[in-house]
Amino acid sequence: MPRNTLASRHVCRDCDGFARATITTGTRNPDGTRTTLTVDCRACHGTGHTAPAALAHAGR
């Protein structure tokens, strides 16, 4: 039977947990491999998780 557990972290709603993407630039390196850029989600800064809103506003 599945066990329900509370998530200790919330998945980022902007990237849906896929916080980092690798994008090809279209150019190639001298060895023939493609040049890529790694880009992090702006909302979660590449972690894939965000803090609950109650914790974010608790410091006010």
C-alpha atoms as a PDB file:
ATOM      1  CA  MET A   1       0.000   0.000   0.000  1.00  0.00           C
ATOM      2  CA  PRO A   2       1.443   3.426  -0.876  1.00  0.00           C
ATOM      3  CA  ARG A   3       2.572   5.549   2.001  1.00  0.00           C
ATOM      4  CA  ASN A   4       1.635   9.215   1.980  1.00  0.00           C
ATOM      5  CA  THR A   5       4.383  11.535   3.143  1.00  0.00           C
ATOM      6  CA  LEU A   6       4.490  15.281   3.251  1.00  0.00           C
ATOM      7  CA  ALA A   7       6.945  16.791   0.850  1.00  0.00           C
ATOM      8  CA  SER A   8       9.745  18.541   2.691  1.00  0.00           C
ATOM      9  CA  ARG A   9      10.294  20.771  -0.326  1.00  0.00           C
ATOM     10  CA  HIS A  10       7.925  22.163  -2.891  1.00  0.00           C
ATOM     11  CA  VAL A  11       8.596  21.692  -6.591  1.00  0.00           C
ATOM     12  CA  CYS A  12       9.225  24.945  -8.435  1.00  0.00           C
ATOM     13  CA  ARG A  13       6.120  25.930 -10.372  1.00  0.00           C
ATOM     14  CA  ASP A  14       8.110  27.738 -13.080  1.00  0.00           C
ATOM     15  CA  CYS A  15      10.303  24.800 -14.131  1.00  0.00           C
ATOM     16  CA  ASP A  16       8.243  21.915 -12.662  1.00  0.00           C
ATOM     17  CA  GLY A  17      11.378  20.499 -11.020  1.00  0.00           C
ATOM     18  CA  PHE A  18      13.506  20.480 -14.173  1.00  0.00           C
ATOM     19  CA  ALA A  19      15.709  23.326 -12.997  1.00  0.00           C
ATOM     20  CA  ARG A  20      18.606  23.073 -15.410  1.00  0.00           C
ATOM     21  CA  ALA A  21      18.553  22.871 -19.209  1.00  0.00           C
ATOM     22  CA  THR A  22      21.380  22.353 -21.677  1.00  0.00           C
ATOM     23  CA  ILE A  23      20.971  24.208 -24.963  1.00  0.00           C
ATOM     24  CA  THR A  24      23.022  23.668 -28.104  1.00  0.00           C
ATOM     25  CA  THR A  25      24.305  26.838 -29.749  1.00  0.00           C
ATOM     26  CA  GLY A  26      24.573  25.396 -33.254  1.00  0.00           C
ATOM     27  CA  THR A  27      28.361  25.669 -33.413  1.00  0.00           C
ATOM     28  CA  ARG A  28      30.884  22.875 -33.021  1.00  0.00           C
ATOM     29  CA  ASN A  29      34.103  22.566 -31.038  1.00  0.00           C
ATOM     30  CA  PRO A  30      37.355  21.659 -32.832  1.00  0.00           C
ATOM     31  CA  ASP A  31      36.899  17.999 -31.785  1.00  0.00           C
ATOM     32  CA  GLY A  32      33.458  17.865 -33.464  1.00  0.00           C
ATOM     33  CA  THR A  33      31.264  18.030 -30.368  1.00  0.00           C
ATOM     34  CA  ARG A  34      28.517  20.637 -30.101  1.00  0.00           C
ATOM     35  CA  THR A  35      28.947  23.795 -28.052  1.00  0.00           C
ATOM     36  CA  THR A  36      26.330  23.925 -25.289  1.00  0.00           C
ATOM     37  CA  LEU A  37      25.108  26.365 -22.666  1.00  0.00           C
ATOM     38  CA  THR A  38      23.724  25.304 -19.294  1.00  0.00           C
ATOM     39  CA  VAL A  39      20.884  27.528 -18.092  1.00  0.00           C
ATOM     40  CA  ASP A  40      19.313  27.521 -14.604  1.00  0.00           C
ATOM     41  CA  CYS A  41      15.706  28.364 -13.785  1.00  0.00           C
ATOM     42  CA  ARG A  42      15.419  32.007 -12.710  1.00  0.00           C
ATOM     43  CA  ALA A  43      12.829  31.317 -10.022  1.00  0.00           C
ATOM     44  CA  CYS A  44      14.589  28.533  -8.091  1.00  0.00           C
ATOM     45  CA  HIS A  45      18.189  29.242  -9.192  1.00  0.00           C
ATOM     46  CA  GLY A  46      18.718  25.701 -10.443  1.00  0.00           C
ATOM     47  CA  THR A  47      17.534  23.783  -7.378  1.00  0.00           C
ATOM     48  CA  GLY A  48      14.121  22.658  -8.682  1.00  0.00           C
ATOM     49  CA  HIS A  49      12.493  23.495  -5.354  1.00  0.00           C
ATOM     50  CA  THR A  50      11.058  26.584  -3.729  1.00  0.00           C
ATOM     51  CA  ALA A  51      10.215  27.533  -0.165  1.00  0.00           C
ATOM     52  CA  PRO A  52       6.539  27.591   0.822  1.00  0.00           C
ATOM     53  CA  ALA A  53       4.968  31.055   0.710  1.00  0.00           C
ATOM     54  CA  ALA A  54       4.377  30.983   4.477  1.00  0.00           C
ATOM     55  CA  LEU A  55       8.130  30.674   5.074  1.00  0.00           C
ATOM     56  CA  ALA A  56       8.988  33.348   2.544  1.00  0.00           C
ATOM     57  CA  HIS A  57       6.774  35.925   4.287  1.00  0.00           C
ATOM     58  CA  ALA A  58       7.619  34.897   7.869  1.00  0.00           C
ATOM     59  CA  GLY A  59      10.604  37.254   7.978  1.00  0.00           C
ATOM     60  CA  ARG A  60       8.506  40.385   7.592  1.00  0.00           C
END
